[in-house]
Amino acid sequence: MAQAWRIIDRTETDEGLLDLRQRGQKDFLITIAGRILMNSSANRSEIVLAQLACAPLQQVPQPRVLVGGLGMGFTLKAALDSLPAAAAVMVAELNPIMVSWCRGPLAPLTGGAVDDPRAEVVLADVAEVIANAAAKGKEQRFDAIILDLYEGPYEGDQGRGDYLYGKKALELSRAALRPGGVFAVWSEDPDQAFEKRLRSAGFSVHRQRPGRGGRRHVVYIARKEN
């Protein structure tokens, strides 16, 4: 008989209770208002997202990467594993308890990636970080922006996620990237309207669905066309 999930920590948010649940030694689950956000045993697409985004940066002397959303830290860990020693990775996370969890019970899942000397976690809205980078000089821009949020670009089509995935937001993301920079986005499903907006904003677009069988999410890798 499978072990039951037990809540090991929780906090109230504007969207409802955010829970961290554990089953056994290595299985973790994060839910919000009873909705599953992420599962430690289902991280394939998050890892591939970071790997593909960072692969072109292997030869960049001091690559600068922005990750939107900390989650359980798998995307950050995959980015760090794919980048050179001189890289700098900024993670924008809204909820401080996520950082605490990644430094606490979730730390063994990623080898404590949040405390890697190349990583910096800031408590901020990633949209604001992108807008600030776009408005400042070249030294503040990024070689890659990775958005690994629990609601993907489909929300932009519904008007709720326009600040990240809408026309103006994509223009800002492009401006926040250095020449040839990568804009990588996780999505639950393919989104042709989003792909069209990416191309209109000046990106080349590649779509992948990592893995075989089961629930396969979508990874968008867009390159800034010079």
C-alpha atoms as a PDB file:
ATOM      1  CA  MET A   1       0.000   0.000   0.000  1.00  0.00           C
ATOM      2  CA  ALA A   2       1.381   3.384  -1.055  1.00  0.00           C
ATOM      3  CA  GLN A   3       2.285   5.844   1.659  1.00  0.00           C
ATOM      4  CA  ALA A   4       0.018   8.857   2.104  1.00  0.00           C
ATOM      5  CA  TRP A   5       1.235  12.386   1.461  1.00  0.00           C
ATOM      6  CA  ARG A   6       1.735  14.453   4.598  1.00  0.00           C
ATOM      7  CA  ILE A   7       1.892  18.254   4.781  1.00  0.00           C
ATOM      8  CA  ILE A   8       5.238  19.341   6.210  1.00  0.00           C
ATOM      9  CA  ASP A   9       4.836  23.110   5.735  1.00  0.00           C
ATOM     10  CA  ARG A  10       2.295  25.565   4.402  1.00  0.00           C
ATOM     11  CA  THR A  11       1.592  29.273   3.997  1.00  0.00           C
ATOM     12  CA  GLU A  12      -1.350  31.419   2.981  1.00  0.00           C
ATOM     13  CA  THR A  13      -1.107  33.229  -0.380  1.00  0.00           C
ATOM     14  CA  ASP A  14      -3.442  35.379  -2.462  1.00  0.00           C
ATOM     15  CA  GLU A  15      -4.278  32.265  -4.473  1.00  0.00           C
ATOM     16  CA  GLY A  16      -4.923  30.011  -1.473  1.00  0.00           C
ATOM     17  CA  LEU A  17      -2.901  27.725   0.773  1.00  0.00           C
ATOM     18  CA  LEU A  18       0.528  26.808  -0.572  1.00  0.00           C
ATOM     19  CA  ASP A  19       1.507  23.375   0.749  1.00  0.00           C
ATOM     20  CA  LEU A  20       4.701  21.353   0.728  1.00  0.00           C
ATOM     21  CA  ARG A  21       3.912  17.649   1.051  1.00  0.00           C
ATOM     22  CA  GLN A  22       6.201  14.661   1.489  1.00  0.00           C
ATOM     23  CA  ARG A  23       5.840  10.925   0.982  1.00  0.00           C
ATOM     24  CA  GLY A  24       8.692   8.692   2.051  1.00  0.00           C
ATOM     25  CA  GLN A  25      12.194  10.140   1.868  1.00  0.00           C
ATOM     26  CA  LYS A  26      12.435  11.535  -1.658  1.00  0.00           C
ATOM     27  CA  ASP A  27       8.918  12.286  -2.927  1.00  0.00           C
ATOM     28  CA  PHE A  28       7.733  15.879  -2.587  1.00  0.00           C
ATOM     29  CA  LEU A  29       4.674  17.700  -3.854  1.00  0.00           C
ATOM     30  CA  ILE A  30       3.794  21.399  -3.901  1.00  0.00           C
ATOM     31  CA  THR A  31       0.132  22.365  -4.149  1.00  0.00           C
ATOM     32  CA  ILE A  32      -1.805  25.613  -4.070  1.00  0.00           C
ATOM     33  CA  ALA A  33      -5.457  25.633  -3.038  1.00  0.00           C
ATOM     34  CA  GLY A  34      -5.364  21.855  -3.583  1.00  0.00           C
ATOM     35  CA  ARG A  35      -4.021  22.171  -7.144  1.00  0.00           C
ATOM     36  CA  ILE A  36      -0.766  20.352  -7.874  1.00  0.00           C
ATOM     37  CA  LEU A  37       1.966  22.756  -8.981  1.00  0.00           C
ATOM     38  CA  MET A  38       4.967  20.455  -9.097  1.00  0.00           C
ATOM     39  CA  ASN A  39       6.071  16.952  -8.205  1.00  0.00           C
ATOM     40  CA  SER A  40       9.666  15.979  -7.481  1.00  0.00           C
ATOM     41  CA  SER A  41       9.312  12.838  -9.600  1.00  0.00           C
ATOM     42  CA  ALA A  42       8.021  14.721 -12.675  1.00  0.00           C
ATOM     43  CA  ASN A  43      10.685  17.236 -13.659  1.00  0.00           C
ATOM     44  CA  ARG A  44      11.685  16.137 -17.160  1.00  0.00           C
ATOM     45  CA  SER A  45      10.490  19.214 -19.038  1.00  0.00           C
ATOM     46  CA  GLU A  46      11.960  21.668 -16.503  1.00  0.00           C
ATOM     47  CA  ILE A  47      15.401  20.093 -16.802  1.00  0.00           C
ATOM     48  CA  VAL A  48      15.296  19.993 -20.609  1.00  0.00           C
ATOM     49  CA  LEU A  49      14.130  23.615 -20.670  1.00  0.00           C
ATOM     50  CA  ALA A  50      17.255  24.773 -18.841  1.00  0.00           C
ATOM     51  CA  GLN A  51      19.604  22.465 -20.726  1.00  0.00           C
ATOM     52  CA  LEU A  52      18.438  23.672 -24.127  1.00  0.00           C
ATOM     53  CA  ALA A  53      18.471  27.314 -23.060  1.00  0.00           C
ATOM     54  CA  CYS A  54      22.019  27.121 -21.712  1.00  0.00           C
ATOM     55  CA  ALA A  55      23.586  24.848 -24.338  1.00  0.00           C
ATOM     56  CA  PRO A  56      24.468  27.766 -26.671  1.00  0.00           C
ATOM     57  CA  LEU A  57      26.223  29.575 -23.798  1.00  0.00           C
ATOM     58  CA  GLN A  58      29.010  27.053 -23.218  1.00  0.00           C
ATOM     59  CA  GLN A  59      31.526  29.233 -25.068  1.00  0.00           C
ATOM     60  CA  VAL A  60      30.285  32.587 -23.758  1.00  0.00           C
ATOM     61  CA  PRO A  61      33.003  33.945 -21.390  1.00  0.00           C
ATOM     62  CA  GLN A  62      30.722  35.096 -18.553  1.00  0.00           C
ATOM     63  CA  PRO A  63      27.132  34.213 -19.407  1.00  0.00           C
ATOM     64  CA  ARG A  64      24.349  35.902 -17.468  1.00  0.00           C
ATOM     65  CA  VAL A  65      21.086  33.974 -17.092  1.00  0.00           C
ATOM     66  CA  LEU A  66      17.722  34.870 -15.576  1.00  0.00           C
ATOM     67  CA  VAL A  67      15.363  32.145 -14.317  1.00  0.00           C
ATOM     68  CA  GLY A  68      11.770  33.083 -13.595  1.00  0.00           C
ATOM     69  CA  GLY A  69      10.429  30.876 -10.808  1.00  0.00           C
ATOM     70  CA  LEU A  70      12.453  28.801  -8.351  1.00  0.00           C
ATOM     71  CA  GLY A  71      10.047  25.907  -7.841  1.00  0.00           C
ATOM     72  CA  MET A  72      11.869  22.913  -6.378  1.00  0.00           C
ATOM     73  CA  GLY A  73      15.148  24.124  -7.866  1.00  0.00           C
ATOM     74  CA  PHE A  74      15.396  21.626 -10.731  1.00  0.00           C
ATOM     75  CA  THR A  75      15.547  24.300 -13.436  1.00  0.00           C
ATOM     76  CA  LEU A  76      18.232  26.214 -11.561  1.00  0.00           C
ATOM     77  CA  LYS A  77      20.241  23.017 -11.003  1.00  0.00           C
ATOM     78  CA  ALA A  78      20.036  22.055 -14.693  1.00  0.00           C
ATOM     79  CA  ALA A  79      21.112  25.558 -15.723  1.00  0.00           C
ATOM     80  CA  LEU A  80      24.106  25.528 -13.378  1.00  0.00           C
ATOM     81  CA  ASP A  81      25.120  22.081 -14.611  1.00  0.00           C
ATOM     82  CA  SER A  82      25.018  23.340 -18.201  1.00  0.00           C
ATOM     83  CA  LEU A  83      26.954  26.586 -17.679  1.00  0.00           C
ATOM     84  CA  PRO A  84      30.668  27.394 -17.264  1.00  0.00           C
ATOM     85  CA  ALA A  85      32.246  28.271 -13.931  1.00  0.00           C
ATOM     86  CA  ALA A  86      32.160  32.015 -14.647  1.00  0.00           C
ATOM     87  CA  ALA A  87      28.401  32.105 -15.216  1.00  0.00           C
ATOM     88  CA  ALA A  88      25.937  34.099 -13.113  1.00  0.00           C
ATOM     89  CA  VAL A  89      22.352  32.894 -12.662  1.00  0.00           C
ATOM     90  CA  MET A  90      19.705  35.144 -11.155  1.00  0.00           C
ATOM     91  CA  VAL A  91      16.463  33.526 -10.001  1.00  0.00           C
ATOM     92  CA  ALA A  92      13.408  35.743  -9.542  1.00  0.00           C
ATOM     93  CA  GLU A  93      10.976  34.203  -7.055  1.00  0.00           C
ATOM     94  CA  LEU A  94       7.916  35.888  -5.563  1.00  0.00           C
ATOM     95  CA  ASN A  95       7.412  33.746  -2.482  1.00  0.00           C
ATOM     96  CA  PRO A  96      10.146  33.595   0.182  1.00  0.00           C
ATOM     97  CA  ILE A  97       8.882  30.256   1.499  1.00  0.00           C
ATOM     98  CA  MET A  98       9.944  28.614  -1.778  1.00  0.00           C
ATOM     99  CA  VAL A  99      13.503  29.726  -1.075  1.00  0.00           C
ATOM    100  CA  SER A 100      13.269  28.373   2.475  1.00  0.00           C
ATOM    101  CA  TRP A 101      12.013  25.025   1.200  1.00  0.00           C
ATOM    102  CA  CYS A 102      14.831  24.792  -1.356  1.00  0.00           C
ATOM    103  CA  ARG A 103      17.347  25.491   1.391  1.00  0.00           C
ATOM    104  CA  GLY A 104      15.578  23.085   3.749  1.00  0.00           C
ATOM    105  CA  PRO A 105      13.696  19.858   2.998  1.00  0.00           C
ATOM    106  CA  LEU A 106      14.096  20.138  -0.786  1.00  0.00           C
ATOM    107  CA  ALA A 107      17.834  20.881  -0.752  1.00  0.00           C
ATOM    108  CA  PRO A 108      18.938  17.225  -1.230  1.00  0.00           C
ATOM    109  CA  LEU A 109      16.994  17.058  -4.521  1.00  0.00           C
ATOM    110  CA  THR A 110      19.380  19.531  -6.169  1.00  0.00           C
ATOM    111  CA  GLY A 111      22.472  19.323  -4.019  1.00  0.00           C
ATOM    112  CA  GLY A 112      21.651  22.726  -2.555  1.00  0.00           C
ATOM    113  CA  ALA A 113      21.630  24.534  -5.907  1.00  0.00           C
ATOM    114  CA  VAL A 114      20.302  27.771  -4.390  1.00  0.00           C
ATOM    115  CA  ASP A 115      23.564  28.110  -2.452  1.00  0.00           C
ATOM    116  CA  ASP A 116      25.806  27.623  -5.477  1.00  0.00           C
ATOM    117  CA  PRO A 117      28.162  30.660  -5.609  1.00  0.00           C
ATOM    118  CA  ARG A 118      27.042  31.333  -9.184  1.00  0.00           C
ATOM    119  CA  ALA A 119      23.386  31.633  -8.154  1.00  0.00           C
ATOM    120  CA  GLU A 120      21.547  34.653  -6.779  1.00  0.00           C
ATOM    121  CA  VAL A 121      17.918  34.400  -5.661  1.00  0.00           C
ATOM    122  CA  VAL A 122      15.982  37.679  -5.577  1.00  0.00           C
ATOM    123  CA  LEU A 123      12.470  38.091  -4.202  1.00  0.00           C
ATOM    124  CA  ALA A 124      10.932  39.849  -7.168  1.00  0.00           C
ATOM    125  CA  ASP A 125       8.469  39.568 -10.020  1.00  0.00           C
ATOM    126  CA  VAL A 126      10.407  38.278 -13.016  1.00  0.00           C
ATOM    127  CA  ALA A 127       8.450  40.639 -15.283  1.00  0.00           C
ATOM    128  CA  GLU A 128       9.868  43.596 -13.345  1.00  0.00           C
ATOM    129  CA  VAL A 129      13.393  42.187 -13.521  1.00  0.00           C
ATOM    130  CA  ILE A 130      13.039  41.833 -17.296  1.00  0.00           C
ATOM    131  CA  ALA A 131      11.669  45.377 -17.674  1.00  0.00           C
ATOM    132  CA  ASN A 132      14.537  46.791 -15.602  1.00  0.00           C
ATOM    133  CA  ALA A 133      17.133  44.932 -17.663  1.00  0.00           C
ATOM    134  CA  ALA A 134      15.551  46.176 -20.889  1.00  0.00           C
ATOM    135  CA  ALA A 135      15.702  49.764 -19.658  1.00  0.00           C
ATOM    136  CA  LYS A 136      19.334  49.664 -18.527  1.00  0.00           C
ATOM    137  CA  GLY A 137      22.648  49.332 -20.313  1.00  0.00           C
ATOM    138  CA  LYS A 138      24.057  46.281 -22.043  1.00  0.00           C
ATOM    139  CA  GLU A 139      25.883  45.098 -18.922  1.00  0.00           C
ATOM    140  CA  GLN A 140      22.520  44.462 -17.217  1.00  0.00           C
ATOM    141  CA  ARG A 141      21.108  42.331 -20.025  1.00  0.00           C
ATOM    142  CA  PHE A 142      20.999  38.544 -20.115  1.00  0.00           C
ATOM    143  CA  ASP A 143      22.301  35.824 -22.416  1.00  0.00           C
ATOM    144  CA  ALA A 144      19.260  33.717 -21.582  1.00  0.00           C
ATOM    145  CA  ILE A 145      15.887  34.236 -19.924  1.00  0.00           C
ATOM    146  CA  ILE A 146      14.156  31.059 -18.729  1.00  0.00           C
ATOM    147  CA  LEU A 147      10.522  31.198 -17.644  1.00  0.00           C
ATOM    148  CA  ASP A 148       9.552  28.096 -15.696  1.00  0.00           C
ATOM    149  CA  LEU A 149       6.262  29.215 -14.161  1.00  0.00           C
ATOM    150  CA  TYR A 150       3.287  27.041 -13.307  1.00  0.00           C
ATOM    151  CA  GLU A 151       1.065  28.926 -15.746  1.00  0.00           C
ATOM    152  CA  GLY A 152       2.503  29.122 -19.237  1.00  0.00           C
ATOM    153  CA  PRO A 153       1.859  31.310 -22.282  1.00  0.00           C
ATOM    154  CA  TYR A 154      -1.740  30.163 -22.704  1.00  0.00           C
ATOM    155  CA  GLU A 155      -2.527  32.596 -19.906  1.00  0.00           C
ATOM    156  CA  GLY A 156      -1.347  35.383 -22.202  1.00  0.00           C
ATOM    157  CA  ASP A 157      -4.038  34.437 -24.681  1.00  0.00           C
ATOM    158  CA  GLN A 158      -6.616  34.747 -21.909  1.00  0.00           C
ATOM    159  CA  GLY A 159      -5.438  38.209 -20.897  1.00  0.00           C
ATOM    160  CA  ARG A 160      -4.197  37.159 -17.443  1.00  0.00           C
ATOM    161  CA  GLY A 161      -0.593  36.525 -18.380  1.00  0.00           C
ATOM    162  CA  ASP A 162      -0.153  39.373 -20.822  1.00  0.00           C
ATOM    163  CA  TYR A 163       2.489  40.964 -18.588  1.00  0.00           C
ATOM    164  CA  LEU A 164       4.769  37.985 -19.358  1.00  0.00           C
ATOM    165  CA  TYR A 165       3.606  36.467 -22.636  1.00  0.00           C
ATOM    166  CA  GLY A 166       1.795  39.265 -24.463  1.00  0.00           C
ATOM    167  CA  LYS A 167       3.134  41.394 -27.321  1.00  0.00           C
ATOM    168  CA  LYS A 168       4.621  44.160 -25.175  1.00  0.00           C
ATOM    169  CA  ALA A 169       6.112  41.683 -22.696  1.00  0.00           C
ATOM    170  CA  LEU A 170       7.881  39.762 -25.469  1.00  0.00           C
ATOM    171  CA  GLU A 171       9.301  43.002 -26.859  1.00  0.00           C
ATOM    172  CA  LEU A 172      10.700  43.778 -23.399  1.00  0.00           C
ATOM    173  CA  SER A 173      12.165  40.279 -23.092  1.00  0.00           C
ATOM    174  CA  ARG A 174      13.873  40.695 -26.439  1.00  0.00           C
ATOM    175  CA  ALA A 175      15.279  44.064 -25.343  1.00  0.00           C
ATOM    176  CA  ALA A 176      16.537  42.494 -22.101  1.00  0.00           C
ATOM    177  CA  LEU A 177      18.610  39.943 -24.038  1.00  0.00           C
ATOM    178  CA  ARG A 178      22.063  40.360 -25.491  1.00  0.00           C
ATOM    179  CA  PRO A 179      22.524  39.709 -29.239  1.00  0.00           C
ATOM    180  CA  GLY A 180      21.748  36.069 -30.022  1.00  0.00           C
ATOM    181  CA  GLY A 181      20.224  35.592 -26.580  1.00  0.00           C
ATOM    182  CA  VAL A 182      17.830  32.766 -25.730  1.00  0.00           C
ATOM    183  CA  PHE A 183      14.262  33.141 -24.461  1.00  0.00           C
ATOM    184  CA  ALA A 184      13.079  29.789 -23.096  1.00  0.00           C
ATOM    185  CA  VAL A 185       9.532  29.133 -21.880  1.00  0.00           C
ATOM    186  CA  TRP A 186       7.776  26.154 -20.298  1.00  0.00           C
ATOM    187  CA  SER A 187       4.203  25.520 -21.425  1.00  0.00           C
ATOM    188  CA  GLU A 188       1.619  22.872 -20.590  1.00  0.00           C
ATOM    189  CA  ASP A 189       0.578  22.537 -24.241  1.00  0.00           C
ATOM    190  CA  PRO A 190       1.538  23.880 -27.687  1.00  0.00           C
ATOM    191  CA  ASP A 191       0.313  27.416 -28.271  1.00  0.00           C
ATOM    192  CA  GLN A 192       0.300  28.632 -31.858  1.00  0.00           C
ATOM    193  CA  ALA A 193      -0.809  32.141 -30.905  1.00  0.00           C
ATOM    194  CA  PHE A 194       2.199  32.435 -28.598  1.00  0.00           C
ATOM    195  CA  GLU A 195       4.513  31.180 -31.334  1.00  0.00           C
ATOM    196  CA  LYS A 196       3.123  33.842 -33.661  1.00  0.00           C
ATOM    197  CA  ARG A 197       3.726  36.557 -31.055  1.00  0.00           C
ATOM    198  CA  LEU A 198       7.295  35.347 -30.552  1.00  0.00           C
ATOM    199  CA  ARG A 199       8.058  35.599 -34.259  1.00  0.00           C
ATOM    200  CA  SER A 200       6.423  39.021 -34.470  1.00  0.00           C
ATOM    201  CA  ALA A 201       8.652  40.170 -31.603  1.00  0.00           C
ATOM    202  CA  GLY A 202      11.797  39.165 -33.524  1.00  0.00           C
ATOM    203  CA  PHE A 203      12.522  35.660 -32.259  1.00  0.00           C
ATOM    204  CA  SER A 204      13.198  32.446 -34.128  1.00  0.00           C
ATOM    205  CA  VAL A 205      11.122  29.692 -32.525  1.00  0.00           C
ATOM    206  CA  HIS A 206      11.734  26.010 -31.822  1.00  0.00           C
ATOM    207  CA  ARG A 207       9.229  23.827 -29.968  1.00  0.00           C
ATOM    208  CA  GLN A 208       9.945  20.505 -28.265  1.00  0.00           C
ATOM    209  CA  ARG A 209       7.954  18.003 -26.196  1.00  0.00           C
ATOM    210  CA  PRO A 210      10.565  16.173 -24.090  1.00  0.00           C
ATOM    211  CA  GLY A 211      10.297  12.496 -23.283  1.00  0.00           C
ATOM    212  CA  ARG A 212       8.072   9.658 -24.409  1.00  0.00           C
ATOM    213  CA  GLY A 213       4.688   8.633 -23.110  1.00  0.00           C
ATOM    214  CA  GLY A 214       2.756  10.100 -20.219  1.00  0.00           C
ATOM    215  CA  ARG A 215       2.048  13.803 -19.793  1.00  0.00           C
ATOM    216  CA  ARG A 216       4.448  15.647 -22.088  1.00  0.00           C
ATOM    217  CA  HIS A 217       4.742  19.384 -21.585  1.00  0.00           C
ATOM    218  CA  VAL A 218       6.155  21.821 -24.123  1.00  0.00           C
ATOM    219  CA  VAL A 219       9.480  23.639 -24.167  1.00  0.00           C
ATOM    220  CA  TYR A 220       9.879  26.739 -26.330  1.00  0.00           C
ATOM    221  CA  ILE A 221      13.400  27.843 -27.255  1.00  0.00           C
ATOM    222  CA  ALA A 222      13.388  31.226 -28.986  1.00  0.00           C
ATOM    223  CA  ARG A 223      16.528  33.023 -30.198  1.00  0.00           C
ATOM    224  CA  LYS A 224      16.857  36.764 -30.511  1.00  0.00           C
ATOM    225  CA  GLU A 225      17.417  37.519 -34.164  1.00  0.00           C
ATOM    226  CA  ASN A 226      20.009  40.260 -34.616  1.00  0.00           C
END
